[in-house]
Amino acid sequence: MSINTVPHIHQVMLGQNPTQIIVGFGTNAQGNTWWKFIDLHTGLTGYTYSNMNGTDYYSNADGSKYFNTNQGIELYTAPTGETSVLSTS
């Protein structure tokens, strides 16, 4: 896994209020791109993966997870462990 540090803090904007800062990024052994972020409201860390096969995965700072197959199916797992299947088609 390659690890990079961000030369400057990149703020993810939601309207005019920054919600996250990206503190690292890289490419893992499978060729998937990842970003490590810190939630500015909670101080917790999360990860985002943009996968080579076109799928997206988010491991959120609050413990929730999100997976998008980009083929019409989305999965959301709440911090409590309950998983919801969402259709995007």
PDB file of N, CA and C in Angstrom:
ATOM      1  N   MET A   1       0.848  -1.157   0.000  1.00  0.00           N
ATOM      2  CA  MET A   1       0.000   0.000   0.000  1.00  0.00           C
ATOM      3  C   MET A   1       0.897   1.224   0.000  1.00  0.00           C
ATOM      4  N   SER A   2       0.633   2.155  -0.902  1.00  0.00           N
ATOM      5  CA  SER A   2       1.392   3.400  -0.869  1.00  0.00           C
ATOM      6  C   SER A   2       0.658   4.407  -0.001  1.00  0.00           C
ATOM      7  N   ILE A   3       1.405   5.169   0.732  1.00  0.00           N
ATOM      8  CA  ILE A   3       0.814   6.168   1.618  1.00  0.00           C
ATOM      9  C   ILE A   3       1.388   7.525   1.264  1.00  0.00           C
ATOM     10  N   ASN A   4       0.521   8.490   1.119  1.00  0.00           N
ATOM     11  CA  ASN A   4       0.938   9.850   0.820  1.00  0.00           C
ATOM     12  C   ASN A   4       0.415  10.781   1.895  1.00  0.00           C
ATOM     13  N   THR A   5       1.145  11.817   2.158  1.00  0.00           N
ATOM     14  CA  THR A   5       0.629  12.857   3.036  1.00  0.00           C
ATOM     15  C   THR A   5       0.193  14.014   2.166  1.00  0.00           C
ATOM     16  N   VAL A   6      -0.808  14.691   2.603  1.00  0.00           N
ATOM     17  CA  VAL A   6      -1.350  15.804   1.844  1.00  0.00           C
ATOM     18  C   VAL A   6      -0.500  17.028   2.143  1.00  0.00           C
ATOM     19  N   PRO A   7       0.051  17.704   1.112  1.00  0.00           N
ATOM     20  CA  PRO A   7       0.918  18.849   1.367  1.00  0.00           C
ATOM     21  C   PRO A   7       0.192  20.019   2.017  1.00  0.00           C
ATOM     22  N   HIS A   8      -1.078  20.073   1.862  1.00  0.00           N
ATOM     23  CA  HIS A   8      -1.889  21.092   2.531  1.00  0.00           C
ATOM     24  C   HIS A   8      -3.193  20.430   2.934  1.00  0.00           C
ATOM     25  N   ILE A   9      -3.868  20.978   3.880  1.00  0.00           N
ATOM     26  CA  ILE A   9      -5.131  20.394   4.333  1.00  0.00           C
ATOM     27  C   ILE A   9      -6.205  20.699   3.304  1.00  0.00           C
ATOM     28  N   HIS A  10      -6.846  19.656   2.806  1.00  0.00           N
ATOM     29  CA  HIS A  10      -7.944  19.806   1.855  1.00  0.00           C
ATOM     30  C   HIS A  10      -9.248  19.709   2.623  1.00  0.00           C
ATOM     31  N   GLN A  11     -10.080  20.707   2.507  1.00  0.00           N
ATOM     32  CA  GLN A  11     -11.350  20.695   3.211  1.00  0.00           C
ATOM     33  C   GLN A  11     -12.461  20.289   2.261  1.00  0.00           C
ATOM     34  N   VAL A  12     -13.256  19.318   2.687  1.00  0.00           N
ATOM     35  CA  VAL A  12     -14.426  18.898   1.933  1.00  0.00           C
ATOM     36  C   VAL A  12     -15.551  19.839   2.331  1.00  0.00           C
ATOM     37  N   MET A  13     -16.110  20.526   1.375  1.00  0.00           N
ATOM     38  CA  MET A  13     -17.078  21.572   1.680  1.00  0.00           C
ATOM     39  C   MET A  13     -18.507  21.061   1.548  1.00  0.00           C
ATOM     40  N   LEU A  14     -19.334  21.455   2.469  1.00  0.00           N
ATOM     41  CA  LEU A  14     -20.770  21.224   2.412  1.00  0.00           C
ATOM     42  C   LEU A  14     -21.382  22.601   2.576  1.00  0.00           C
ATOM     43  N   GLY A  15     -21.813  23.199   1.471  1.00  0.00           N
ATOM     44  CA  GLY A  15     -22.209  24.602   1.512  1.00  0.00           C
ATOM     45  C   GLY A  15     -20.962  25.424   1.793  1.00  0.00           C
ATOM     46  N   GLN A  16     -21.013  26.280   2.781  1.00  0.00           N
ATOM     47  CA  GLN A  16     -19.855  27.077   3.147  1.00  0.00           C
ATOM     48  C   GLN A  16     -19.144  26.538   4.385  1.00  0.00           C
ATOM     49  N   ASN A  17     -19.620  25.418   4.934  1.00  0.00           N
ATOM     50  CA  ASN A  17     -19.055  24.892   6.171  1.00  0.00           C
ATOM     51  C   ASN A  17     -18.232  23.646   5.897  1.00  0.00           C
ATOM     52  N   PRO A  18     -16.923  23.668   6.183  1.00  0.00           N
ATOM     53  CA  PRO A  18     -16.134  22.446   6.002  1.00  0.00           C
ATOM     54  C   PRO A  18     -16.580  21.382   6.995  1.00  0.00           C
ATOM     55  N   THR A  19     -16.723  20.151   6.531  1.00  0.00           N
ATOM     56  CA  THR A  19     -17.173  19.059   7.390  1.00  0.00           C
ATOM     57  C   THR A  19     -16.075  18.040   7.660  1.00  0.00           C
ATOM     58  N   GLN A  20     -15.077  17.976   6.783  1.00  0.00           N
ATOM     59  CA  GLN A  20     -14.012  16.981   6.910  1.00  0.00           C
ATOM     60  C   GLN A  20     -12.706  17.581   6.423  1.00  0.00           C
ATOM     61  N   ILE A  21     -11.603  17.037   6.918  1.00  0.00           N
ATOM     62  CA  ILE A  21     -10.312  17.342   6.322  1.00  0.00           C
ATOM     63  C   ILE A  21      -9.687  16.022   5.886  1.00  0.00           C
ATOM     64  N   ILE A  22      -9.079  16.027   4.718  1.00  0.00           N
ATOM     65  CA  ILE A  22      -8.404  14.847   4.196  1.00  0.00           C
ATOM     66  C   ILE A  22      -6.958  14.912   4.672  1.00  0.00           C
ATOM     67  N   VAL A  23      -6.521  13.866   5.361  1.00  0.00           N
ATOM     68  CA  VAL A  23      -5.191  13.876   5.961  1.00  0.00           C
ATOM     69  C   VAL A  23      -4.234  12.867   5.327  1.00  0.00           C
ATOM     70  N   GLY A  24      -4.717  12.082   4.378  1.00  0.00           N
ATOM     71  CA  GLY A  24      -3.862  11.137   3.683  1.00  0.00           C
ATOM     72  C   GLY A  24      -4.592  10.512   2.513  1.00  0.00           C
ATOM     73  N   PHE A  25      -3.834   9.986   1.570  1.00  0.00           N
ATOM     74  CA  PHE A  25      -4.425   9.304   0.422  1.00  0.00           C
ATOM     75  C   PHE A  25      -3.386   8.372  -0.165  1.00  0.00           C
ATOM     76  N   GLY A  26      -3.827   7.446  -0.979  1.00  0.00           N
ATOM     77  CA  GLY A  26      -2.888   6.531  -1.603  1.00  0.00           C
ATOM     78  C   GLY A  26      -3.589   5.514  -2.474  1.00  0.00           C
ATOM     79  N   THR A  27      -2.848   4.509  -2.869  1.00  0.00           N
ATOM     80  CA  THR A  27      -3.359   3.412  -3.683  1.00  0.00           C
ATOM     81  C   THR A  27      -2.953   2.112  -3.009  1.00  0.00           C
ATOM     82  N   ASN A  28      -3.920   1.206  -2.812  1.00  0.00           N
ATOM     83  CA  ASN A  28      -3.588  -0.062  -2.158  1.00  0.00           C
ATOM     84  C   ASN A  28      -3.075  -1.079  -3.180  1.00  0.00           C
ATOM     85  N   ALA A  29      -2.735  -2.276  -2.725  1.00  0.00           N
ATOM     86  CA  ALA A  29      -2.142  -3.307  -3.578  1.00  0.00           C
ATOM     87  C   ALA A  29      -3.054  -3.721  -4.726  1.00  0.00           C
ATOM     88  N   GLN A  30      -4.373  -3.562  -4.554  1.00  0.00           N
ATOM     89  CA  GLN A  30      -5.331  -3.919  -5.599  1.00  0.00           C
ATOM     90  C   GLN A  30      -5.520  -2.793  -6.612  1.00  0.00           C
ATOM     91  N   GLY A  31      -4.867  -1.657  -6.407  1.00  0.00           N
ATOM     92  CA  GLY A  31      -4.993  -0.529  -7.324  1.00  0.00           C
ATOM     93  C   GLY A  31      -6.139   0.404  -7.002  1.00  0.00           C
ATOM     94  N   ASN A  32      -6.781   0.210  -5.858  1.00  0.00           N
ATOM     95  CA  ASN A  32      -7.899   1.060  -5.452  1.00  0.00           C
ATOM     96  C   ASN A  32      -7.376   2.324  -4.767  1.00  0.00           C
ATOM     97  N   THR A  33      -7.975   3.452  -5.085  1.00  0.00           N
ATOM     98  CA  THR A  33      -7.590   4.726  -4.490  1.00  0.00           C
ATOM     99  C   THR A  33      -8.322   4.916  -3.173  1.00  0.00           C
ATOM    100  N   TRP A  34      -7.631   5.422  -2.150  1.00  0.00           N
ATOM    101  CA  TRP A  34      -8.265   5.661  -0.859  1.00  0.00           C
ATOM    102  C   TRP A  34      -7.887   7.035  -0.327  1.00  0.00           C
ATOM    103  N   TRP A  35      -8.755   7.563   0.519  1.00  0.00           N
ATOM    104  CA  TRP A  35      -8.535   8.827   1.218  1.00  0.00           C
ATOM    105  C   TRP A  35      -8.864   8.615   2.687  1.00  0.00           C
ATOM    106  N   LYS A  36      -8.045   9.141   3.569  1.00  0.00           N
ATOM    107  CA  LYS A  36      -8.315   9.120   5.007  1.00  0.00           C
ATOM    108  C   LYS A  36      -8.768  10.520   5.401  1.00  0.00           C
ATOM    109  N   PHE A  37      -9.863  10.595   6.150  1.00  0.00           N
ATOM    110  CA  PHE A  37     -10.366  11.909   6.547  1.00  0.00           C
ATOM    111  C   PHE A  37     -10.696  11.947   8.026  1.00  0.00           C
ATOM    112  N   ILE A  38     -10.738  13.157   8.563  1.00  0.00           N
ATOM    113  CA  ILE A  38     -11.155  13.392   9.940  1.00  0.00           C
ATOM    114  C   ILE A  38     -12.413  14.244   9.906  1.00  0.00           C
ATOM    115  N   ASP A  39     -13.435  13.794  10.605  1.00  0.00           N
ATOM    116  CA  ASP A  39     -14.682  14.544  10.727  1.00  0.00           C
ATOM    117  C   ASP A  39     -14.441  15.708  11.686  1.00  0.00           C
ATOM    118  N   LEU A  40     -14.679  16.931  11.220  1.00  0.00           N
ATOM    119  CA  LEU A  40     -14.410  18.110  12.039  1.00  0.00           C
ATOM    120  C   LEU A  40     -15.359  18.254  13.216  1.00  0.00           C
ATOM    121  N   HIS A  41     -16.536  17.642  13.129  1.00  0.00           N
ATOM    122  CA  HIS A  41     -17.513  17.770  14.213  1.00  0.00           C
ATOM    123  C   HIS A  41     -17.250  16.782  15.343  1.00  0.00           C
ATOM    124  N   THR A  42     -16.759  15.579  15.001  1.00  0.00           N
ATOM    125  CA  THR A  42     -16.574  14.535  16.014  1.00  0.00           C
ATOM    126  C   THR A  42     -15.111  14.226  16.316  1.00  0.00           C
ATOM    127  N   GLY A  43     -14.220  14.578  15.382  1.00  0.00           N
ATOM    128  CA  GLY A  43     -12.811  14.236  15.539  1.00  0.00           C
ATOM    129  C   GLY A  43     -12.492  12.798  15.167  1.00  0.00           C
ATOM    130  N   LEU A  44     -13.495  12.041  14.706  1.00  0.00           N
ATOM    131  CA  LEU A  44     -13.300  10.638  14.337  1.00  0.00           C
ATOM    132  C   LEU A  44     -12.727  10.519  12.931  1.00  0.00           C
ATOM    133  N   THR A  45     -12.066   9.399  12.657  1.00  0.00           N
ATOM    134  CA  THR A  45     -11.424   9.149  11.373  1.00  0.00           C
ATOM    135  C   THR A  45     -12.260   8.199  10.527  1.00  0.00           C
ATOM    136  N   GLY A  46     -12.279   8.425   9.212  1.00  0.00           N
ATOM    137  CA  GLY A  46     -12.960   7.539   8.279  1.00  0.00           C
ATOM    138  C   GLY A  46     -12.142   7.379   7.011  1.00  0.00           C
ATOM    139  N   TYR A  47     -12.588   6.485   6.142  1.00  0.00           N
ATOM    140  CA  TYR A  47     -11.900   6.209   4.884  1.00  0.00           C
ATOM    141  C   TYR A  47     -12.900   6.155   3.739  1.00  0.00           C
ATOM    142  N   THR A  48     -12.443   6.547   2.558  1.00  0.00           N
ATOM    143  CA  THR A  48     -13.215   6.430   1.327  1.00  0.00           C
ATOM    144  C   THR A  48     -12.363   5.652   0.326  1.00  0.00           C
ATOM    145  N   TYR A  49     -12.976   4.685  -0.351  1.00  0.00           N
ATOM    146  CA  TYR A  49     -12.286   3.906  -1.377  1.00  0.00           C
ATOM    147  C   TYR A  49     -13.014   4.054  -2.705  1.00  0.00           C
ATOM    148  N   SER A  50     -12.273   4.355  -3.746  1.00  0.00           N
ATOM    149  CA  SER A  50     -12.783   4.353  -5.109  1.00  0.00           C
ATOM    150  C   SER A  50     -12.098   3.172  -5.792  1.00  0.00           C
ATOM    151  N   ASN A  51     -12.868   2.117  -6.039  1.00  0.00           N
ATOM    152  CA  ASN A  51     -12.301   0.847  -6.467  1.00  0.00           C
ATOM    153  C   ASN A  51     -12.148   0.733  -7.979  1.00  0.00           C
ATOM    154  N   MET A  52     -11.174  -0.059  -8.393  1.00  0.00           N
ATOM    155  CA  MET A  52     -10.877  -0.273  -9.810  1.00  0.00           C
ATOM    156  C   MET A  52     -12.066  -0.853 -10.567  1.00  0.00           C
ATOM    157  N   ASN A  53     -12.924  -1.614  -9.890  1.00  0.00           N
ATOM    158  CA  ASN A  53     -14.058  -2.243 -10.559  1.00  0.00           C
ATOM    159  C   ASN A  53     -15.272  -1.323 -10.666  1.00  0.00           C
ATOM    160  N   GLY A  54     -15.105  -0.051 -10.307  1.00  0.00           N
ATOM    161  CA  GLY A  54     -16.195   0.916 -10.438  1.00  0.00           C
ATOM    162  C   GLY A  54     -17.062   1.060  -9.208  1.00  0.00           C
ATOM    163  N   THR A  55     -16.795   0.273  -8.165  1.00  0.00           N
ATOM    164  CA  THR A  55     -17.577   0.387  -6.940  1.00  0.00           C
ATOM    165  C   THR A  55     -16.962   1.439  -6.017  1.00  0.00           C
ATOM    166  N   ASP A  56     -17.757   1.903  -5.068  1.00  0.00           N
ATOM    167  CA  ASP A  56     -17.299   2.871  -4.076  1.00  0.00           C
ATOM    168  C   ASP A  56     -17.617   2.342  -2.687  1.00  0.00           C
ATOM    169  N   TYR A  57     -16.724   2.570  -1.735  1.00  0.00           N
ATOM    170  CA  TYR A  57     -16.919   2.120  -0.363  1.00  0.00           C
ATOM    171  C   TYR A  57     -16.517   3.241   0.583  1.00  0.00           C
ATOM    172  N   TYR A  58     -17.339   3.459   1.593  1.00  0.00           N
ATOM    173  CA  TYR A  58     -17.062   4.487   2.594  1.00  0.00           C
ATOM    174  C   TYR A  58     -17.126   3.854   3.974  1.00  0.00           C
ATOM    175  N   SER A  59     -16.103   4.064   4.762  1.00  0.00           N
ATOM    176  CA  SER A  59     -16.098   3.681   6.171  1.00  0.00           C
ATOM    177  C   SER A  59     -16.122   4.999   6.932  1.00  0.00           C
ATOM    178  N   ASN A  60     -17.288   5.356   7.426  1.00  0.00           N
ATOM    179  CA  ASN A  60     -17.500   6.687   7.974  1.00  0.00           C
ATOM    180  C   ASN A  60     -17.027   6.826   9.411  1.00  0.00           C
ATOM    181  N   ALA A  61     -16.749   8.055   9.785  1.00  0.00           N
ATOM    182  CA  ALA A  61     -16.232   8.357  11.113  1.00  0.00           C
ATOM    183  C   ALA A  61     -17.191   7.925  12.218  1.00  0.00           C
ATOM    184  N   ASP A  62     -18.493   7.882  11.929  1.00  0.00           N
ATOM    185  CA  ASP A  62     -19.474   7.509  12.957  1.00  0.00           C
ATOM    186  C   ASP A  62     -19.649   5.994  13.098  1.00  0.00           C
ATOM    187  N   GLY A  63     -18.877   5.223  12.335  1.00  0.00           N
ATOM    188  CA  GLY A  63     -18.976   3.769  12.392  1.00  0.00           C
ATOM    189  C   GLY A  63     -19.883   3.170  11.330  1.00  0.00           C
ATOM    190  N   SER A  64     -20.586   4.003  10.591  1.00  0.00           N
ATOM    191  CA  SER A  64     -21.448   3.500   9.524  1.00  0.00           C
ATOM    192  C   SER A  64     -20.605   3.176   8.289  1.00  0.00           C
ATOM    193  N   LYS A  65     -21.191   2.375   7.394  1.00  0.00           N
ATOM    194  CA  LYS A  65     -20.516   1.986   6.161  1.00  0.00           C
ATOM    195  C   LYS A  65     -21.488   2.121   5.000  1.00  0.00           C
ATOM    196  N   TYR A  66     -20.952   2.429   3.829  1.00  0.00           N
ATOM    197  CA  TYR A  66     -21.759   2.590   2.628  1.00  0.00           C
ATOM    198  C   TYR A  66     -21.019   1.935   1.474  1.00  0.00           C
ATOM    199  N   PHE A  67     -21.743   1.146   0.663  1.00  0.00           N
ATOM    200  CA  PHE A  67     -21.157   0.499  -0.504  1.00  0.00           C
ATOM    201  C   PHE A  67     -22.076   0.716  -1.689  1.00  0.00           C
ATOM    202  N   ASN A  68     -21.529   1.184  -2.802  1.00  0.00           N
ATOM    203  CA  ASN A  68     -22.289   1.411  -4.026  1.00  0.00           C
ATOM    204  C   ASN A  68     -21.703   0.520  -5.112  1.00  0.00           C
ATOM    205  N   THR A  69     -22.529  -0.393  -5.638  1.00  0.00           N
ATOM    206  CA  THR A  69     -22.070  -1.296  -6.694  1.00  0.00           C
ATOM    207  C   THR A  69     -21.975  -0.590  -8.039  1.00  0.00           C
ATOM    208  N   ASN A  70     -22.583   0.598  -8.143  1.00  0.00           N
ATOM    209  CA  ASN A  70     -22.693   1.333  -9.402  1.00  0.00           C
ATOM    210  C   ASN A  70     -23.419   0.515 -10.466  1.00  0.00           C
ATOM    211  N   GLN A  71     -24.240  -0.450 -10.007  1.00  0.00           N
ATOM    212  CA  GLN A  71     -25.095  -1.234 -10.892  1.00  0.00           C
ATOM    213  C   GLN A  71     -26.521  -1.238 -10.360  1.00  0.00           C
ATOM    214  N   GLY A  72     -26.880  -0.180  -9.630  1.00  0.00           N
ATOM    215  CA  GLY A  72     -28.245  -0.045  -9.151  1.00  0.00           C
ATOM    216  C   GLY A  72     -28.491  -0.471  -7.721  1.00  0.00           C
ATOM    217  N   ILE A  73     -27.466  -0.913  -7.015  1.00  0.00           N
ATOM    218  CA  ILE A  73     -27.639  -1.356  -5.629  1.00  0.00           C
ATOM    219  C   ILE A  73     -26.698  -0.562  -4.722  1.00  0.00           C
ATOM    220  N   GLU A  74     -27.246  -0.084  -3.617  1.00  0.00           N
ATOM    221  CA  GLU A  74     -26.449   0.557  -2.579  1.00  0.00           C
ATOM    222  C   GLU A  74     -26.728  -0.151  -1.263  1.00  0.00           C
ATOM    223  N   LEU A  75     -25.709  -0.346  -0.462  1.00  0.00           N
ATOM    224  CA  LEU A  75     -25.859  -0.939   0.865  1.00  0.00           C
ATOM    225  C   LEU A  75     -25.400   0.078   1.896  1.00  0.00           C
ATOM    226  N   TYR A  76     -26.196   0.271   2.939  1.00  0.00           N
ATOM    227  CA  TYR A  76     -25.828   1.161   4.036  1.00  0.00           C
ATOM    228  C   TYR A  76     -25.896   0.368   5.334  1.00  0.00           C
ATOM    229  N   THR A  77     -24.822   0.382   6.093  1.00  0.00           N
ATOM    230  CA  THR A  77     -24.800  -0.267   7.401  1.00  0.00           C
ATOM    231  C   THR A  77     -24.666   0.811   8.462  1.00  0.00           C
ATOM    232  N   ALA A  78     -25.659   0.872   9.330  1.00  0.00           N
ATOM    233  CA  ALA A  78     -25.676   1.867  10.406  1.00  0.00           C
ATOM    234  C   ALA A  78     -24.628   1.515  11.458  1.00  0.00           C
ATOM    235  N   PRO A  79     -24.246   2.487  12.289  1.00  0.00           N
ATOM    236  CA  PRO A  79     -23.299   2.194  13.370  1.00  0.00           C
ATOM    237  C   PRO A  79     -23.773   1.063  14.286  1.00  0.00           C
ATOM    238  N   THR A  80     -25.085   0.837  14.341  1.00  0.00           N
ATOM    239  CA  THR A  80     -25.652  -0.235  15.170  1.00  0.00           C
ATOM    240  C   THR A  80     -25.512  -1.607  14.525  1.00  0.00           C
ATOM    241  N   GLY A  81     -25.128  -1.664  13.230  1.00  0.00           N
ATOM    242  CA  GLY A  81     -24.954  -2.928  12.531  1.00  0.00           C
ATOM    243  C   GLY A  81     -26.090  -3.295  11.601  1.00  0.00           C
ATOM    244  N   GLU A  82     -27.197  -2.553  11.642  1.00  0.00           N
ATOM    245  CA  GLU A  82     -28.324  -2.833  10.740  1.00  0.00           C
ATOM    246  C   GLU A  82     -27.958  -2.409   9.324  1.00  0.00           C
ATOM    247  N   THR A  83     -28.221  -3.300   8.351  1.00  0.00           N
ATOM    248  CA  THR A  83     -27.916  -3.007   6.956  1.00  0.00           C
ATOM    249  C   THR A  83     -29.194  -2.781   6.175  1.00  0.00           C
ATOM    250  N   SER A  84     -29.198  -1.725   5.374  1.00  0.00           N
ATOM    251  CA  SER A  84     -30.319  -1.407   4.491  1.00  0.00           C
ATOM    252  C   SER A  84     -29.850  -1.549   3.058  1.00  0.00           C
ATOM    253  N   VAL A  85     -30.698  -2.131   2.211  1.00  0.00           N
ATOM    254  CA  VAL A  85     -30.417  -2.240   0.787  1.00  0.00           C
ATOM    255  C   VAL A  85     -31.232  -1.171   0.087  1.00  0.00           C
ATOM    256  N   LEU A  86     -30.545  -0.335  -0.667  1.00  0.00           N
ATOM    257  CA  LEU A  86     -31.193   0.748  -1.389  1.00  0.00           C
ATOM    258  C   LEU A  86     -31.038   0.499  -2.874  1.00  0.00           C
ATOM    259  N   SER A  87     -32.041   0.834  -3.646  1.00  0.00           N
ATOM    260  CA  SER A  87     -31.971   0.706  -5.094  1.00  0.00           C
ATOM    261  C   SER A  87     -31.782   2.082  -5.689  1.00  0.00           C
ATOM    262  N   THR A  88     -30.860   2.199  -6.637  1.00  0.00           N
ATOM    263  CA  THR A  88     -30.622   3.480  -7.293  1.00  0.00           C
ATOM    264  C   THR A  88     -31.242   3.531  -8.679  1.00  0.00           C
ATOM    265  N   SER A  89     -31.938   2.452  -9.067  1.00  0.00           N
ATOM    266  CA  SER A  89     -32.522   2.440 -10.418  1.00  0.00           C
ATOM    267  C   SER A  89     -33.995   2.750 -10.386  1.00  0.00           C
TER     268      SER A  89
END
